[in-house]
Amino acid sequence: MTAAIYGKELFKFWRSPENQVPSLPELAEPYLTRMTALFSAPVPEGLPPVKTSDLSSIRKTEIYLQQEYESNPEAPKVEVVGLWMTTEMINRNIQIHVWCYKGELNIGASFNQSFYEESLWRMC
């Protein structure tokens, strides 16, 4: 049974009552619209606010990113002096990013400014 589910073609994974097969890209817009409305809604009264954060670590970035790049022998090399990471947050969560580059530990955070007072995030 599991193989049958995972073996389905992702662009035609669901059939409507009219036996029409929508593609995954056709479903993306309504899904994002509904999820954005859900995440933008205020927390229902009586529930505590979200306090957990997500941790995203890409480890040592030299595995993926060189410190220098050369396009051709006559042009000067391009040196990568630093990098930063971010994600688009549509909910109240804070995502913390951790990575190492050139022997230094880097820590960053992504969050949706609309859920936090400006005086808090301006300090960062």
PDB file of N, CA and C in Angstrom:
ATOM      1  N   MET A   1       0.828  -1.209   0.000  1.00  0.00           N
ATOM      2  CA  MET A   1       0.000   0.000   0.000  1.00  0.00           C
ATOM      3  C   MET A   1       0.865   1.263   0.000  1.00  0.00           C
ATOM      4  N   THR A   2       1.919   1.276   0.815  1.00  0.00           N
ATOM      5  CA  THR A   2       2.782   2.449   0.889  1.00  0.00           C
ATOM      6  C   THR A   2       3.421   2.738  -0.463  1.00  0.00           C
ATOM      7  N   ALA A   3       3.900   1.703  -1.142  1.00  0.00           N
ATOM      8  CA  ALA A   3       4.534   1.904  -2.449  1.00  0.00           C
ATOM      9  C   ALA A   3       3.551   2.503  -3.445  1.00  0.00           C
ATOM     10  N   ALA A   4       2.271   2.114  -3.359  1.00  0.00           N
ATOM     11  CA  ALA A   4       1.273   2.658  -4.279  1.00  0.00           C
ATOM     12  C   ALA A   4       1.058   4.149  -4.042  1.00  0.00           C
ATOM     13  N   ILE A   5       1.079   4.556  -2.777  1.00  0.00           N
ATOM     14  CA  ILE A   5       0.881   5.973  -2.450  1.00  0.00           C
ATOM     15  C   ILE A   5       2.082   6.787  -2.903  1.00  0.00           C
ATOM     16  N   TYR A   6       3.300   6.359  -2.552  1.00  0.00           N
ATOM     17  CA  TYR A   6       4.487   7.116  -2.903  1.00  0.00           C
ATOM     18  C   TYR A   6       4.819   7.021  -4.385  1.00  0.00           C
ATOM     19  N   GLY A   7       4.271   6.035  -5.065  1.00  0.00           N
ATOM     20  CA  GLY A   7       4.531   5.871  -6.486  1.00  0.00           C
ATOM     21  C   GLY A   7       3.645   6.713  -7.378  1.00  0.00           C
ATOM     22  N   LYS A   8       2.666   7.422  -6.791  1.00  0.00           N
ATOM     23  CA  LYS A   8       1.768   8.251  -7.601  1.00  0.00           C
ATOM     24  C   LYS A   8       2.512   9.432  -8.203  1.00  0.00           C
ATOM     25  N   GLU A   9       2.061   9.850  -9.371  1.00  0.00           N
ATOM     26  CA  GLU A   9       2.624  11.027 -10.007  1.00  0.00           C
ATOM     27  C   GLU A   9       2.189  12.268  -9.217  1.00  0.00           C
ATOM     28  N   LEU A  10       3.154  13.057  -8.787  1.00  0.00           N
ATOM     29  CA  LEU A  10       2.843  14.188  -7.914  1.00  0.00           C
ATOM     30  C   LEU A  10       2.012  15.264  -8.593  1.00  0.00           C
ATOM     31  N   PHE A  11       2.119  15.405  -9.905  1.00  0.00           N
ATOM     32  CA  PHE A  11       1.357  16.446 -10.574  1.00  0.00           C
ATOM     33  C   PHE A  11      -0.087  16.022 -10.835  1.00  0.00           C
ATOM     34  N   LYS A  12      -0.423  14.760 -10.576  1.00  0.00           N
ATOM     35  CA  LYS A  12      -1.787  14.280 -10.769  1.00  0.00           C
ATOM     36  C   LYS A  12      -2.126  13.329  -9.624  1.00  0.00           C
ATOM     37  N   PHE A  13      -2.155  13.870  -8.421  1.00  0.00           N
ATOM     38  CA  PHE A  13      -2.295  13.009  -7.255  1.00  0.00           C
ATOM     39  C   PHE A  13      -3.718  12.903  -6.712  1.00  0.00           C
ATOM     40  N   TRP A  14      -4.667  13.652  -7.256  1.00  0.00           N
ATOM     41  CA  TRP A  14      -6.015  13.669  -6.694  1.00  0.00           C
ATOM     42  C   TRP A  14      -7.015  13.828  -7.819  1.00  0.00           C
ATOM     43  N   ARG A  15      -8.128  13.130  -7.710  1.00  0.00           N
ATOM     44  CA  ARG A  15      -9.159  13.239  -8.739  1.00  0.00           C
ATOM     45  C   ARG A  15     -10.415  13.849  -8.117  1.00  0.00           C
ATOM     46  N   SER A  16     -11.037  14.746  -8.844  1.00  0.00           N
ATOM     47  CA  SER A  16     -12.262  15.382  -8.378  1.00  0.00           C
ATOM     48  C   SER A  16     -13.442  14.466  -8.682  1.00  0.00           C
ATOM     49  N   PRO A  17     -14.643  14.776  -8.137  1.00  0.00           N
ATOM     50  CA  PRO A  17     -15.824  13.960  -8.452  1.00  0.00           C
ATOM     51  C   PRO A  17     -16.118  13.886  -9.950  1.00  0.00           C
ATOM     52  N   GLU A  18     -15.738  14.905 -10.697  1.00  0.00           N
ATOM     53  CA  GLU A  18     -15.960  14.901 -12.147  1.00  0.00           C
ATOM     54  C   GLU A  18     -14.847  14.146 -12.869  1.00  0.00           C
ATOM     55  N   ASN A  19     -13.970  13.485 -12.108  1.00  0.00           N
ATOM     56  CA  ASN A  19     -12.850  12.723 -12.643  1.00  0.00           C
ATOM     57  C   ASN A  19     -11.827  13.627 -13.331  1.00  0.00           C
ATOM     58  N   GLN A  20     -11.805  14.901 -12.960  1.00  0.00           N
ATOM     59  CA  GLN A  20     -10.802  15.822 -13.461  1.00  0.00           C
ATOM     60  C   GLN A  20      -9.560  15.699 -12.580  1.00  0.00           C
ATOM     61  N   VAL A  21      -8.414  15.795 -13.162  1.00  0.00           N
ATOM     62  CA  VAL A  21      -7.174  15.655 -12.411  1.00  0.00           C
ATOM     63  C   VAL A  21      -6.478  17.014 -12.353  1.00  0.00           C
ATOM     64  N   PRO A  22      -6.582  17.725 -11.216  1.00  0.00           N
ATOM     65  CA  PRO A  22      -5.872  19.007 -11.121  1.00  0.00           C
ATOM     66  C   PRO A  22      -4.381  18.754 -10.913  1.00  0.00           C
ATOM     67  N   SER A  23      -3.585  19.652 -11.390  1.00  0.00           N
ATOM     68  CA  SER A  23      -2.144  19.526 -11.181  1.00  0.00           C
ATOM     69  C   SER A  23      -1.780  20.156  -9.847  1.00  0.00           C
ATOM     70  N   LEU A  24      -0.639  19.782  -9.328  1.00  0.00           N
ATOM     71  CA  LEU A  24      -0.170  20.346  -8.072  1.00  0.00           C
ATOM     72  C   LEU A  24      -0.034  21.867  -8.135  1.00  0.00           C
ATOM     73  N   PRO A  25       0.519  22.436  -9.222  1.00  0.00           N
ATOM     74  CA  PRO A  25       0.580  23.907  -9.296  1.00  0.00           C
ATOM     75  C   PRO A  25      -0.796  24.572  -9.250  1.00  0.00           C
ATOM     76  N   GLU A  26      -1.835  23.922  -9.779  1.00  0.00           N
ATOM     77  CA  GLU A  26      -3.187  24.497  -9.725  1.00  0.00           C
ATOM     78  C   GLU A  26      -3.714  24.548  -8.294  1.00  0.00           C
ATOM     79  N   LEU A  27      -3.224  23.661  -7.436  1.00  0.00           N
ATOM     80  CA  LEU A  27      -3.676  23.627  -6.048  1.00  0.00           C
ATOM     81  C   LEU A  27      -2.864  24.550  -5.142  1.00  0.00           C
ATOM     82  N   ALA A  28      -1.698  24.969  -5.602  1.00  0.00           N
ATOM     83  CA  ALA A  28      -0.808  25.753  -4.748  1.00  0.00           C
ATOM     84  C   ALA A  28      -1.406  27.102  -4.363  1.00  0.00           C
ATOM     85  N   GLU A  29      -1.987  27.829  -5.316  1.00  0.00           N
ATOM     86  CA  GLU A  29      -2.516  29.160  -5.012  1.00  0.00           C
ATOM     87  C   GLU A  29      -3.643  29.119  -3.983  1.00  0.00           C
ATOM     88  N   PRO A  30      -4.677  28.263  -4.156  1.00  0.00           N
ATOM     89  CA  PRO A  30      -5.721  28.218  -3.119  1.00  0.00           C
ATOM     90  C   PRO A  30      -5.178  27.778  -1.761  1.00  0.00           C
ATOM     91  N   TYR A  31      -4.227  26.865  -1.760  1.00  0.00           N
ATOM     92  CA  TYR A  31      -3.636  26.408  -0.500  1.00  0.00           C
ATOM     93  C   TYR A  31      -2.925  27.557   0.206  1.00  0.00           C
ATOM     94  N   LEU A  32      -2.081  28.288  -0.527  1.00  0.00           N
ATOM     95  CA  LEU A  32      -1.358  29.402   0.075  1.00  0.00           C
ATOM     96  C   LEU A  32      -2.296  30.497   0.550  1.00  0.00           C
ATOM     97  N   THR A  33      -3.356  30.748  -0.214  1.00  0.00           N
ATOM     98  CA  THR A  33      -4.330  31.758   0.192  1.00  0.00           C
ATOM     99  C   THR A  33      -4.986  31.380   1.512  1.00  0.00           C
ATOM    100  N   ARG A  34      -5.402  30.129   1.638  1.00  0.00           N
ATOM    101  CA  ARG A  34      -6.053  29.676   2.878  1.00  0.00           C
ATOM    102  C   ARG A  34      -5.082  29.633   4.049  1.00  0.00           C
ATOM    103  N   MET A  35      -3.852  29.166   3.815  1.00  0.00           N
ATOM    104  CA  MET A  35      -2.878  29.083   4.897  1.00  0.00           C
ATOM    105  C   MET A  35      -2.465  30.483   5.367  1.00  0.00           C
ATOM    106  N   THR A  36      -2.338  31.431   4.450  1.00  0.00           N
ATOM    107  CA  THR A  36      -2.000  32.796   4.841  1.00  0.00           C
ATOM    108  C   THR A  36      -3.096  33.388   5.708  1.00  0.00           C
ATOM    109  N   ALA A  37      -4.357  33.162   5.335  1.00  0.00           N
ATOM    110  CA  ALA A  37      -5.478  33.651   6.151  1.00  0.00           C
ATOM    111  C   ALA A  37      -5.479  32.991   7.522  1.00  0.00           C
ATOM    112  N   LEU A  38      -5.201  31.696   7.570  1.00  0.00           N
ATOM    113  CA  LEU A  38      -5.176  30.974   8.847  1.00  0.00           C
ATOM    114  C   LEU A  38      -4.066  31.490   9.745  1.00  0.00           C
ATOM    115  N   PHE A  39      -2.859  31.646   9.206  1.00  0.00           N
ATOM    116  CA  PHE A  39      -1.733  32.098  10.018  1.00  0.00           C
ATOM    117  C   PHE A  39      -1.847  33.567  10.408  1.00  0.00           C
ATOM    118  N   SER A  40      -2.585  34.351   9.636  1.00  0.00           N
ATOM    119  CA  SER A  40      -2.740  35.769   9.945  1.00  0.00           C
ATOM    120  C   SER A  40      -3.846  36.026  10.959  1.00  0.00           C
ATOM    121  N   ALA A  41      -4.685  35.031  11.193  1.00  0.00           N
ATOM    122  CA  ALA A  41      -5.796  35.198  12.132  1.00  0.00           C
ATOM    123  C   ALA A  41      -5.254  35.335  13.554  1.00  0.00           C
ATOM    124  N   PRO A  42      -5.932  36.123  14.376  1.00  0.00           N
ATOM    125  CA  PRO A  42      -5.475  36.248  15.764  1.00  0.00           C
ATOM    126  C   PRO A  42      -5.617  34.923  16.503  1.00  0.00           C
ATOM    127  N   VAL A  43      -4.780  34.748  17.510  1.00  0.00           N
ATOM    128  CA  VAL A  43      -4.863  33.538  18.335  1.00  0.00           C
ATOM    129  C   VAL A  43      -6.208  33.555  19.061  1.00  0.00           C
ATOM    130  N   PRO A  44      -6.967  32.456  19.008  1.00  0.00           N
ATOM    131  CA  PRO A  44      -8.261  32.429  19.699  1.00  0.00           C
ATOM    132  C   PRO A  44      -8.105  32.734  21.190  1.00  0.00           C
ATOM    133  N   GLU A  45      -9.071  33.422  21.729  1.00  0.00           N
ATOM    134  CA  GLU A  45      -9.029  33.821  23.131  1.00  0.00           C
ATOM    135  C   GLU A  45      -8.908  32.594  24.024  1.00  0.00           C
ATOM    136  N   GLY A  46      -8.057  32.699  25.016  1.00  0.00           N
ATOM    137  CA  GLY A  46      -7.867  31.605  25.946  1.00  0.00           C
ATOM    138  C   GLY A  46      -6.706  30.692  25.601  1.00  0.00           C
ATOM    139  N   LEU A  47      -6.208  30.784  24.384  1.00  0.00           N
ATOM    140  CA  LEU A  47      -5.059  29.968  24.006  1.00  0.00           C
ATOM    141  C   LEU A  47      -3.781  30.774  24.212  1.00  0.00           C
ATOM    142  N   PRO A  48      -2.722  30.119  24.670  1.00  0.00           N
ATOM    143  CA  PRO A  48      -1.463  30.856  24.846  1.00  0.00           C
ATOM    144  C   PRO A  48      -0.842  31.166  23.495  1.00  0.00           C
ATOM    145  N   PRO A  49      -0.080  32.251  23.409  1.00  0.00           N
ATOM    146  CA  PRO A  49       0.595  32.562  22.142  1.00  0.00           C
ATOM    147  C   PRO A  49       1.683  31.527  21.846  1.00  0.00           C
ATOM    148  N   VAL A  50       2.067  31.441  20.592  1.00  0.00           N
ATOM    149  CA  VAL A  50       3.123  30.513  20.202  1.00  0.00           C
ATOM    150  C   VAL A  50       4.431  30.973  20.822  1.00  0.00           C
ATOM    151  N   LYS A  51       5.132  30.062  21.475  1.00  0.00           N
ATOM    152  CA  LYS A  51       6.387  30.434  22.117  1.00  0.00           C
ATOM    153  C   LYS A  51       7.561  29.596  21.622  1.00  0.00           C
ATOM    154  N   THR A  52       7.294  28.593  20.824  1.00  0.00           N
ATOM    155  CA  THR A  52       8.385  27.748  20.354  1.00  0.00           C
ATOM    156  C   THR A  52       9.043  28.372  19.132  1.00  0.00           C
ATOM    157  N   SER A  53      10.275  28.022  18.928  1.00  0.00           N
ATOM    158  CA  SER A  53      10.969  28.489  17.732  1.00  0.00           C
ATOM    159  C   SER A  53      11.502  27.276  16.980  1.00  0.00           C
ATOM    160  N   ASP A  54      11.732  27.456  15.703  1.00  0.00           N
ATOM    161  CA  ASP A  54      12.284  26.403  14.862  1.00  0.00           C
ATOM    162  C   ASP A  54      13.781  26.627  14.743  1.00  0.00           C
ATOM    163  N   LEU A  55      14.528  25.548  14.637  1.00  0.00           N
ATOM    164  CA  LEU A  55      15.970  25.650  14.458  1.00  0.00           C
ATOM    165  C   LEU A  55      16.345  25.052  13.118  1.00  0.00           C
ATOM    166  N   SER A  56      17.035  25.834  12.306  1.00  0.00           N
ATOM    167  CA  SER A  56      17.490  25.383  11.000  1.00  0.00           C
ATOM    168  C   SER A  56      19.008  25.487  10.960  1.00  0.00           C
ATOM    169  N   SER A  57      19.671  24.370  10.750  1.00  0.00           N
ATOM    170  CA  SER A  57      21.122  24.383  10.709  1.00  0.00           C
ATOM    171  C   SER A  57      21.605  23.794   9.397  1.00  0.00           C
ATOM    172  N   ILE A  58      22.470  24.535   8.683  1.00  0.00           N
ATOM    173  CA  ILE A  58      23.057  23.982   7.463  1.00  0.00           C
ATOM    174  C   ILE A  58      24.512  23.607   7.691  1.00  0.00           C
ATOM    175  N   ARG A  59      24.923  23.558   8.939  1.00  0.00           N
ATOM    176  CA  ARG A  59      26.255  23.102   9.336  1.00  0.00           C
ATOM    177  C   ARG A  59      27.353  23.974   8.762  1.00  0.00           C
ATOM    178  N   LYS A  60      28.397  23.321   8.313  1.00  0.00           N
ATOM    179  CA  LYS A  60      29.551  24.019   7.754  1.00  0.00           C
ATOM    180  C   LYS A  60      29.253  24.355   6.302  1.00  0.00           C
ATOM    181  N   THR A  61      29.115  25.632   5.985  1.00  0.00           N
ATOM    182  CA  THR A  61      28.660  26.032   4.657  1.00  0.00           C
ATOM    183  C   THR A  61      29.707  25.834   3.573  1.00  0.00           C
ATOM    184  N   GLU A  62      30.965  25.635   3.955  1.00  0.00           N
ATOM    185  CA  GLU A  62      31.987  25.386   2.938  1.00  0.00           C
ATOM    186  C   GLU A  62      31.719  24.096   2.166  1.00  0.00           C
ATOM    187  N   ILE A  63      30.876  23.230   2.690  1.00  0.00           N
ATOM    188  CA  ILE A  63      30.469  22.021   1.970  1.00  0.00           C
ATOM    189  C   ILE A  63      29.718  22.422   0.698  1.00  0.00           C
ATOM    190  N   TYR A  64      28.951  23.529   0.758  1.00  0.00           N
ATOM    191  CA  TYR A  64      28.101  23.963  -0.352  1.00  0.00           C
ATOM    192  C   TYR A  64      28.613  25.209  -1.070  1.00  0.00           C
ATOM    193  N   LEU A  65      29.390  26.025  -0.372  1.00  0.00           N
ATOM    194  CA  LEU A  65      29.786  27.334  -0.888  1.00  0.00           C
ATOM    195  C   LEU A  65      31.296  27.493  -0.784  1.00  0.00           C
ATOM    196  N   GLN A  66      31.936  27.805  -1.900  1.00  0.00           N
ATOM    197  CA  GLN A  66      33.382  28.027  -1.893  1.00  0.00           C
ATOM    198  C   GLN A  66      33.680  29.426  -1.358  1.00  0.00           C
ATOM    199  N   GLN A  67      34.917  29.641  -0.936  1.00  0.00           N
ATOM    200  CA  GLN A  67      35.301  30.968  -0.470  1.00  0.00           C
ATOM    201  C   GLN A  67      35.713  31.870  -1.626  1.00  0.00           C
ATOM    202  N   GLU A  68      36.079  31.266  -2.756  1.00  0.00           N
ATOM    203  CA  GLU A  68      36.433  32.027  -3.949  1.00  0.00           C
ATOM    204  C   GLU A  68      35.881  31.323  -5.186  1.00  0.00           C
ATOM    205  N   TYR A  69      35.538  32.141  -6.193  1.00  0.00           N
ATOM    206  CA  TYR A  69      35.063  31.615  -7.470  1.00  0.00           C
ATOM    207  C   TYR A  69      35.840  32.280  -8.587  1.00  0.00           C
ATOM    208  N   GLU A  70      36.162  31.496  -9.606  1.00  0.00           N
ATOM    209  CA  GLU A  70      36.893  32.014 -10.757  1.00  0.00           C
ATOM    210  C   GLU A  70      36.055  31.756 -12.002  1.00  0.00           C
ATOM    211  N   SER A  71      35.776  32.834 -12.764  1.00  0.00           N
ATOM    212  CA  SER A  71      34.976  32.675 -13.975  1.00  0.00           C
ATOM    213  C   SER A  71      35.847  32.334 -15.176  1.00  0.00           C
ATOM    214  N   ASN A  72      36.982  32.991 -15.304  1.00  0.00           N
ATOM    215  CA  ASN A  72      37.951  32.649 -16.343  1.00  0.00           C
ATOM    216  C   ASN A  72      39.336  33.097 -15.868  1.00  0.00           C
ATOM    217  N   PRO A  73      40.393  32.571 -16.470  1.00  0.00           N
ATOM    218  CA  PRO A  73      41.750  32.866 -15.967  1.00  0.00           C
ATOM    219  C   PRO A  73      42.149  34.340 -16.024  1.00  0.00           C
ATOM    220  N   GLU A  74      41.587  35.122 -16.956  1.00  0.00           N
ATOM    221  CA  GLU A  74      41.970  36.530 -17.065  1.00  0.00           C
ATOM    222  C   GLU A  74      41.226  37.444 -16.091  1.00  0.00           C
ATOM    223  N   ALA A  75      40.077  37.019 -15.610  1.00  0.00           N
ATOM    224  CA  ALA A  75      39.280  37.844 -14.687  1.00  0.00           C
ATOM    225  C   ALA A  75      39.723  37.594 -13.252  1.00  0.00           C
ATOM    226  N   PRO A  76      39.602  38.607 -12.410  1.00  0.00           N
ATOM    227  CA  PRO A  76      39.958  38.395 -11.006  1.00  0.00           C
ATOM    228  C   PRO A  76      38.953  37.446 -10.337  1.00  0.00           C
ATOM    229  N   LYS A  77      39.418  36.764  -9.328  1.00  0.00           N
ATOM    230  CA  LYS A  77      38.548  35.850  -8.583  1.00  0.00           C
ATOM    231  C   LYS A  77      37.546  36.667  -7.773  1.00  0.00           C
ATOM    232  N   VAL A  78      36.386  36.088  -7.579  1.00  0.00           N
ATOM    233  CA  VAL A  78      35.354  36.698  -6.739  1.00  0.00           C
ATOM    234  C   VAL A  78      35.432  36.033  -5.375  1.00  0.00           C
ATOM    235  N   GLU A  79      35.626  36.844  -4.337  1.00  0.00           N
ATOM    236  CA  GLU A  79      35.725  36.314  -2.987  1.00  0.00           C
ATOM    237  C   GLU A  79      34.388  36.472  -2.270  1.00  0.00           C
ATOM    238  N   VAL A  80      33.949  35.410  -1.639  1.00  0.00           N
ATOM    239  CA  VAL A  80      32.736  35.451  -0.824  1.00  0.00           C
ATOM    240  C   VAL A  80      33.182  35.836   0.588  1.00  0.00           C
ATOM    241  N   VAL A  81      32.797  37.044   1.016  1.00  0.00           N
ATOM    242  CA  VAL A  81      33.256  37.525   2.324  1.00  0.00           C
ATOM    243  C   VAL A  81      32.288  37.160   3.447  1.00  0.00           C
ATOM    244  N   GLY A  82      31.073  36.849   3.111  1.00  0.00           N
ATOM    245  CA  GLY A  82      30.104  36.471   4.138  1.00  0.00           C
ATOM    246  C   GLY A  82      28.794  36.068   3.498  1.00  0.00           C
ATOM    247  N   LEU A  83      27.894  35.574   4.299  1.00  0.00           N
ATOM    248  CA  LEU A  83      26.575  35.207   3.805  1.00  0.00           C
ATOM    249  C   LEU A  83      25.572  35.344   4.936  1.00  0.00           C
ATOM    250  N   TRP A  84      24.314  35.385   4.550  1.00  0.00           N
ATOM    251  CA  TRP A  84      23.241  35.406   5.532  1.00  0.00           C
ATOM    252  C   TRP A  84      22.121  34.523   5.025  1.00  0.00           C
ATOM    253  N   MET A  85      21.279  34.113   5.915  1.00  0.00           N
ATOM    254  CA  MET A  85      20.155  33.241   5.582  1.00  0.00           C
ATOM    255  C   MET A  85      18.871  33.846   6.103  1.00  0.00           C
ATOM    256  N   THR A  86      17.796  33.550   5.423  1.00  0.00           N
ATOM    257  CA  THR A  86      16.485  33.959   5.903  1.00  0.00           C
ATOM    258  C   THR A  86      15.424  33.063   5.283  1.00  0.00           C
ATOM    259  N   THR A  87      14.278  33.038   5.893  1.00  0.00           N
ATOM    260  CA  THR A  87      13.108  32.364   5.340  1.00  0.00           C
ATOM    261  C   THR A  87      11.934  33.318   5.473  1.00  0.00           C
ATOM    262  N   GLU A  88      10.940  33.136   4.634  1.00  0.00           N
ATOM    263  CA  GLU A  88       9.744  33.966   4.726  1.00  0.00           C
ATOM    264  C   GLU A  88       8.807  33.336   5.739  1.00  0.00           C
ATOM    265  N   MET A  89       8.490  34.072   6.772  1.00  0.00           N
ATOM    266  CA  MET A  89       7.629  33.561   7.838  1.00  0.00           C
ATOM    267  C   MET A  89       6.244  34.178   7.682  1.00  0.00           C
ATOM    268  N   ILE A  90       5.217  33.343   7.546  1.00  0.00           N
ATOM    269  CA  ILE A  90       3.856  33.860   7.432  1.00  0.00           C
ATOM    270  C   ILE A  90       3.072  33.651   8.723  1.00  0.00           C
ATOM    271  N   ASN A  91       3.716  33.038   9.716  1.00  0.00           N
ATOM    272  CA  ASN A  91       3.037  32.833  10.992  1.00  0.00           C
ATOM    273  C   ASN A  91       3.805  33.546  12.100  1.00  0.00           C
ATOM    274  N   ARG A  92       3.472  33.263  13.362  1.00  0.00           N
ATOM    275  CA  ARG A  92       4.074  33.953  14.506  1.00  0.00           C
ATOM    276  C   ARG A  92       5.410  33.351  14.935  1.00  0.00           C
ATOM    277  N   ASN A  93       5.773  32.204  14.399  1.00  0.00           N
ATOM    278  CA  ASN A  93       6.982  31.521  14.839  1.00  0.00           C
ATOM    279  C   ASN A  93       8.242  32.299  14.469  1.00  0.00           C
ATOM    280  N   ILE A  94       9.288  31.994  15.187  1.00  0.00           N
ATOM    281  CA  ILE A  94      10.609  32.526  14.895  1.00  0.00           C
ATOM    282  C   ILE A  94      11.460  31.345  14.470  1.00  0.00           C
ATOM    283  N   GLN A  95      12.154  31.481  13.348  1.00  0.00           N
ATOM    284  CA  GLN A  95      13.042  30.417  12.902  1.00  0.00           C
ATOM    285  C   GLN A  95      14.472  30.885  13.088  1.00  0.00           C
ATOM    286  N   ILE A  96      15.237  30.096  13.826  1.00  0.00           N
ATOM    287  CA  ILE A  96      16.624  30.424  14.115  1.00  0.00           C
ATOM    288  C   ILE A  96      17.509  29.655  13.142  1.00  0.00           C
ATOM    289  N   HIS A  97      18.465  30.351  12.541  1.00  0.00           N
ATOM    290  CA  HIS A  97      19.390  29.751  11.580  1.00  0.00           C
ATOM    291  C   HIS A  97      20.780  29.709  12.205  1.00  0.00           C
ATOM    292  N   VAL A  98      21.434  28.569  12.072  1.00  0.00           N
ATOM    293  CA  VAL A  98      22.788  28.400  12.594  1.00  0.00           C
ATOM    294  C   VAL A  98      23.652  27.837  11.472  1.00  0.00           C
ATOM    295  N   TRP A  99      24.817  28.457  11.250  1.00  0.00           N
ATOM    296  CA  TRP A  99      25.750  27.940  10.254  1.00  0.00           C
ATOM    297  C   TRP A  99      27.160  28.390  10.597  1.00  0.00           C
ATOM    298  N   CYS A 100      28.136  27.669  10.060  1.00  0.00           N
ATOM    299  CA  CYS A 100      29.548  28.023  10.209  1.00  0.00           C
ATOM    300  C   CYS A 100      30.084  28.430   8.853  1.00  0.00           C
ATOM    301  N   TYR A 101      30.864  29.500   8.830  1.00  0.00           N
ATOM    302  CA  TYR A 101      31.515  29.931   7.599  1.00  0.00           C
ATOM    303  C   TYR A 101      32.853  30.555   7.953  1.00  0.00           C
ATOM    304  N   LYS A 102      33.898  30.121   7.291  1.00  0.00           N
ATOM    305  CA  LYS A 102      35.262  30.592   7.527  1.00  0.00           C
ATOM    306  C   LYS A 102      35.653  30.453   8.997  1.00  0.00           C
ATOM    307  N   GLY A 103      35.251  29.352   9.597  1.00  0.00           N
ATOM    308  CA  GLY A 103      35.626  29.071  10.981  1.00  0.00           C
ATOM    309  C   GLY A 103      34.850  29.850  12.023  1.00  0.00           C
ATOM    310  N   GLU A 104      33.810  30.562  11.635  1.00  0.00           N
ATOM    311  CA  GLU A 104      33.019  31.342  12.587  1.00  0.00           C
ATOM    312  C   GLU A 104      31.599  30.796  12.678  1.00  0.00           C
ATOM    313  N   LEU A 105      31.067  30.768  13.888  1.00  0.00           N
ATOM    314  CA  LEU A 105      29.681  30.371  14.107  1.00  0.00           C
ATOM    315  C   LEU A 105      28.784  31.578  13.868  1.00  0.00           C
ATOM    316  N   ASN A 106      27.743  31.401  13.062  1.00  0.00           N
ATOM    317  CA  ASN A 106      26.794  32.475  12.762  1.00  0.00           C
ATOM    318  C   ASN A 106      25.408  32.061  13.232  1.00  0.00           C
ATOM    319  N   ILE A 107      24.698  32.984  13.801  1.00  0.00           N
ATOM    320  CA  ILE A 107      23.330  32.749  14.269  1.00  0.00           C
ATOM    321  C   ILE A 107      22.452  33.883  13.758  1.00  0.00           C
ATOM    322  N   GLY A 108      21.337  33.543  13.145  1.00  0.00           N
ATOM    323  CA  GLY A 108      20.391  34.534  12.652  1.00  0.00           C
ATOM    324  C   GLY A 108      18.974  34.085  12.976  1.00  0.00           C
ATOM    325  N   ALA A 109      18.024  34.961  12.753  1.00  0.00           N
ATOM    326  CA  ALA A 109      16.630  34.623  13.017  1.00  0.00           C
ATOM    327  C   ALA A 109      15.735  35.244  11.957  1.00  0.00           C
ATOM    328  N   SER A 110      14.689  34.514  11.591  1.00  0.00           N
ATOM    329  CA  SER A 110      13.669  35.022  10.674  1.00  0.00           C
ATOM    330  C   SER A 110      12.347  35.050  11.418  1.00  0.00           C
ATOM    331  N   PHE A 111      11.625  36.156  11.271  1.00  0.00           N
ATOM    332  CA  PHE A 111      10.321  36.267  11.909  1.00  0.00           C
ATOM    333  C   PHE A 111       9.479  37.260  11.124  1.00  0.00           C
ATOM    334  N   ASN A 112       8.192  37.191  11.325  1.00  0.00           N
ATOM    335  CA  ASN A 112       7.253  38.075  10.644  1.00  0.00           C
ATOM    336  C   ASN A 112       7.066  39.316  11.507  1.00  0.00           C
ATOM    337  N   GLN A 113       7.522  40.457  11.009  1.00  0.00           N
ATOM    338  CA  GLN A 113       7.486  41.699  11.786  1.00  0.00           C
ATOM    339  C   GLN A 113       6.077  42.129  12.166  1.00  0.00           C
ATOM    340  N   SER A 114       5.079  41.693  11.422  1.00  0.00           N
ATOM    341  CA  SER A 114       3.716  42.146  11.707  1.00  0.00           C
ATOM    342  C   SER A 114       3.166  41.569  13.011  1.00  0.00           C
ATOM    343  N   PHE A 115       3.819  40.539  13.564  1.00  0.00           N
ATOM    344  CA  PHE A 115       3.331  39.941  14.807  1.00  0.00           C
ATOM    345  C   PHE A 115       4.068  40.450  16.040  1.00  0.00           C
ATOM    346  N   TYR A 116       5.076  41.295  15.867  1.00  0.00           N
ATOM    347  CA  TYR A 116       5.876  41.758  16.992  1.00  0.00           C
ATOM    348  C   TYR A 116       5.973  43.274  16.976  1.00  0.00           C
ATOM    349  N   GLU A 117       6.070  43.850  18.161  1.00  0.00           N
ATOM    350  CA  GLU A 117       6.181  45.299  18.263  1.00  0.00           C
ATOM    351  C   GLU A 117       7.496  45.758  17.647  1.00  0.00           C
ATOM    352  N   GLU A 118       7.459  46.878  16.966  1.00  0.00           N
ATOM    353  CA  GLU A 118       8.634  47.385  16.270  1.00  0.00           C
ATOM    354  C   GLU A 118       9.801  47.625  17.225  1.00  0.00           C
ATOM    355  N   SER A 119       9.523  48.064  18.448  1.00  0.00           N
ATOM    356  CA  SER A 119      10.603  48.340  19.396  1.00  0.00           C
ATOM    357  C   SER A 119      11.404  47.078  19.717  1.00  0.00           C
ATOM    358  N   LEU A 120      10.783  45.891  19.617  1.00  0.00           N
ATOM    359  CA  LEU A 120      11.502  44.647  19.888  1.00  0.00           C
ATOM    360  C   LEU A 120      12.406  44.244  18.745  1.00  0.00           C
ATOM    361  N   TRP A 121      11.898  44.285  17.508  1.00  0.00           N
ATOM    362  CA  TRP A 121      12.712  43.808  16.398  1.00  0.00           C
ATOM    363  C   TRP A 121      13.679  44.855  15.892  1.00  0.00           C
ATOM    364  N   ARG A 122      13.495  46.111  16.205  1.00  0.00           N
ATOM    365  CA  ARG A 122      14.454  47.149  15.804  1.00  0.00           C
ATOM    366  C   ARG A 122      15.767  47.000  16.564  1.00  0.00           C
ATOM    367  N   MET A 123      15.736  46.362  17.746  1.00  0.00           N
ATOM    368  CA  MET A 123      16.942  46.190  18.542  1.00  0.00           C
ATOM    369  C   MET A 123      17.901  45.202  17.886  1.00  0.00           C
ATOM    370  N   CYS A 124      17.386  44.341  17.000  1.00  0.00           N
ATOM    371  CA  CYS A 124      18.240  43.296  16.401  1.00  0.00           C
ATOM    372  C   CYS A 124      19.181  43.874  15.448  1.00  0.00           C
TER     373      CYS A 124
END
